[in-house]
Every structure is written in C-alpha cells, then in structure tokens.
Amino acid sequence: MLYYALVFLVVAIIAGIFGFGGIAGASAGIAQILFFLFLAFLVISLVLNFVRKV
C-alpha cells in the first residue's frame, strides 16, 4: 500500500510540473489517503503483535 501511495505522489508531482492541476490534486489526495491507511494498518499491526506477546 505504501508503494501505491508513492506512485500517486510521483504522478502528482509530474502532473504538477506539466500544469495539470486537477490531476495533480486528485493524485496527491489519493496518495495522502493511502499513506494514512498504511499508517493505521501499521499501528494496528504493532498493537496486535504487542498484545499477542504479552
């Protein structure tokens, strides 16, 4: 999932350079959502791993 967030970030940067504001904004928004989903899954995974060991 982090890979897709980085891909959308690169697409947003390239679209921003070429002046496609709508595409850049949408790609940046998708990248941000995927990044925060990745962080949420990471935290859940760490908590579950900690609970299992205790």
N, C-alpha and C. Protein backbone atom coordinates (compact mmCIF):
# COMPACT_ATOMS: atom_id res chain seq x y z
N MET A 1 0.83 -1.18 0.00
CA MET A 1 0.00 0.00 0.00
C MET A 1 0.88 1.25 0.00
N LEU A 2 1.99 1.18 0.70
CA LEU A 2 2.89 2.32 0.70
C LEU A 2 3.45 2.56 -0.71
N TYR A 3 3.64 1.47 -1.46
CA TYR A 3 4.11 1.59 -2.84
C TYR A 3 3.13 2.41 -3.67
N TYR A 4 1.84 2.12 -3.53
CA TYR A 4 0.83 2.86 -4.30
C TYR A 4 0.77 4.32 -3.88
N ALA A 5 0.96 4.59 -2.60
CA ALA A 5 0.98 5.98 -2.14
C ALA A 5 2.14 6.73 -2.79
N LEU A 6 3.30 6.08 -2.88
CA LEU A 6 4.45 6.72 -3.51
C LEU A 6 4.24 6.90 -5.02
N VAL A 7 3.58 5.93 -5.66
CA VAL A 7 3.29 6.06 -7.09
C VAL A 7 2.37 7.24 -7.35
N PHE A 8 1.32 7.37 -6.56
CA PHE A 8 0.41 8.50 -6.75
C PHE A 8 1.09 9.82 -6.42
N LEU A 9 2.02 9.82 -5.47
CA LEU A 9 2.77 11.04 -5.16
C LEU A 9 3.63 11.45 -6.35
N VAL A 10 4.29 10.50 -6.97
CA VAL A 10 5.12 10.79 -8.15
C VAL A 10 4.24 11.28 -9.30
N VAL A 11 3.09 10.66 -9.49
CA VAL A 11 2.17 11.11 -10.54
C VAL A 11 1.72 12.54 -10.27
N ALA A 12 1.44 12.85 -9.01
CA ALA A 12 1.01 14.20 -8.65
C ALA A 12 2.12 15.22 -8.93
N ILE A 13 3.35 14.86 -8.60
CA ILE A 13 4.47 15.78 -8.84
C ILE A 13 4.67 16.01 -10.33
N ILE A 14 4.64 14.93 -11.11
CA ILE A 14 4.83 15.07 -12.56
C ILE A 14 3.69 15.86 -13.18
N ALA A 15 2.46 15.59 -12.76
CA ALA A 15 1.31 16.34 -13.29
C ALA A 15 1.39 17.80 -12.89
N GLY A 16 1.87 18.07 -11.69
CA GLY A 16 2.03 19.46 -11.26
C GLY A 16 3.09 20.20 -12.07
N ILE A 17 4.15 19.52 -12.41
CA ILE A 17 5.20 20.13 -13.22
C ILE A 17 4.68 20.50 -14.60
N PHE A 18 3.87 19.62 -15.19
CA PHE A 18 3.34 19.88 -16.53
C PHE A 18 2.08 20.74 -16.53
N GLY A 19 1.60 21.14 -15.36
CA GLY A 19 0.50 22.08 -15.29
C GLY A 19 -0.89 21.48 -15.25
N PHE A 20 -1.00 20.20 -15.00
CA PHE A 20 -2.31 19.56 -14.89
C PHE A 20 -2.75 19.62 -13.42
N GLY A 21 -3.35 20.74 -13.05
CA GLY A 21 -3.70 20.97 -11.64
C GLY A 21 -4.72 19.99 -11.09
N GLY A 22 -5.74 19.67 -11.87
CA GLY A 22 -6.78 18.76 -11.39
C GLY A 22 -6.25 17.36 -11.15
N ILE A 23 -5.45 16.88 -12.08
CA ILE A 23 -4.87 15.54 -11.94
C ILE A 23 -3.89 15.52 -10.78
N ALA A 24 -3.11 16.57 -10.65
CA ALA A 24 -2.13 16.64 -9.56
C ALA A 24 -2.83 16.65 -8.21
N GLY A 25 -3.90 17.41 -8.10
CA GLY A 25 -4.63 17.48 -6.84
C GLY A 25 -5.28 16.16 -6.48
N ALA A 26 -5.87 15.51 -7.47
CA ALA A 26 -6.51 14.22 -7.22
C ALA A 26 -5.48 13.17 -6.84
N SER A 27 -4.35 13.14 -7.54
CA SER A 27 -3.31 12.16 -7.24
C SER A 27 -2.71 12.41 -5.86
N ALA A 28 -2.52 13.66 -5.50
CA ALA A 28 -1.99 13.98 -4.18
C ALA A 28 -2.98 13.57 -3.10
N GLY A 29 -4.26 13.77 -3.34
CA GLY A 29 -5.28 13.36 -2.37
C GLY A 29 -5.32 11.85 -2.18
N ILE A 30 -5.23 11.11 -3.28
CA ILE A 30 -5.21 9.65 -3.19
C ILE A 30 -3.96 9.18 -2.46
N ALA A 31 -2.82 9.79 -2.77
CA ALA A 31 -1.57 9.41 -2.10
C ALA A 31 -1.66 9.67 -0.61
N GLN A 32 -2.27 10.77 -0.23
CA GLN A 32 -2.41 11.09 1.19
C GLN A 32 -3.32 10.09 1.90
N ILE A 33 -4.42 9.73 1.28
CA ILE A 33 -5.34 8.76 1.88
C ILE A 33 -4.66 7.40 2.04
N LEU A 34 -3.95 6.95 0.99
CA LEU A 34 -3.27 5.66 1.07
C LEU A 34 -2.17 5.66 2.12
N PHE A 35 -1.47 6.78 2.25
CA PHE A 35 -0.41 6.88 3.26
C PHE A 35 -0.99 6.76 4.66
N PHE A 36 -2.09 7.44 4.93
CA PHE A 36 -2.68 7.38 6.27
C PHE A 36 -3.31 6.01 6.54
N LEU A 37 -3.84 5.35 5.50
CA LEU A 37 -4.31 3.98 5.67
C LEU A 37 -3.15 3.06 6.03
N PHE A 38 -2.02 3.24 5.35
CA PHE A 38 -0.83 2.46 5.65
C PHE A 38 -0.40 2.67 7.10
N LEU A 39 -0.40 3.91 7.55
CA LEU A 39 -0.02 4.19 8.94
C LEU A 39 -0.99 3.55 9.92
N ALA A 40 -2.27 3.60 9.62
CA ALA A 40 -3.27 3.00 10.51
C ALA A 40 -3.06 1.49 10.59
N PHE A 41 -2.83 0.84 9.44
CA PHE A 41 -2.58 -0.60 9.45
C PHE A 41 -1.29 -0.94 10.19
N LEU A 42 -0.29 -0.09 10.08
CA LEU A 42 0.96 -0.31 10.79
C LEU A 42 0.74 -0.26 12.30
N VAL A 43 0.00 0.74 12.76
CA VAL A 43 -0.27 0.88 14.20
C VAL A 43 -1.09 -0.31 14.70
N ILE A 44 -2.11 -0.70 13.94
CA ILE A 44 -2.94 -1.85 14.34
C ILE A 44 -2.08 -3.11 14.41
N SER A 45 -1.22 -3.29 13.43
CA SER A 45 -0.35 -4.47 13.41
C SER A 45 0.60 -4.48 14.60
N LEU A 46 1.17 -3.33 14.92
CA LEU A 46 2.08 -3.26 16.06
C LEU A 46 1.36 -3.53 17.38
N VAL A 47 0.16 -3.00 17.54
CA VAL A 47 -0.61 -3.22 18.76
C VAL A 47 -0.99 -4.69 18.89
N LEU A 48 -1.46 -5.29 17.81
CA LEU A 48 -1.83 -6.71 17.87
C LEU A 48 -0.62 -7.59 18.15
N ASN A 49 0.52 -7.25 17.58
CA ASN A 49 1.74 -8.01 17.82
C ASN A 49 2.15 -7.88 19.30
N PHE A 50 2.03 -6.70 19.86
CA PHE A 50 2.37 -6.47 21.26
C PHE A 50 1.42 -7.25 22.19
N VAL A 51 0.13 -7.26 21.86
CA VAL A 51 -0.87 -7.93 22.68
C VAL A 51 -0.64 -9.45 22.65
N ARG A 52 -0.28 -9.99 21.51
CA ARG A 52 -0.05 -11.43 21.40
C ARG A 52 1.15 -11.89 22.22
N LYS A 53 2.16 -11.05 22.33
CA LYS A 53 3.37 -11.43 23.05
C LYS A 53 3.18 -11.34 24.56
N VAL A 54 2.24 -10.56 25.00
CA VAL A 54 2.03 -10.38 26.45
C VAL A 54 1.19 -11.44 27.04
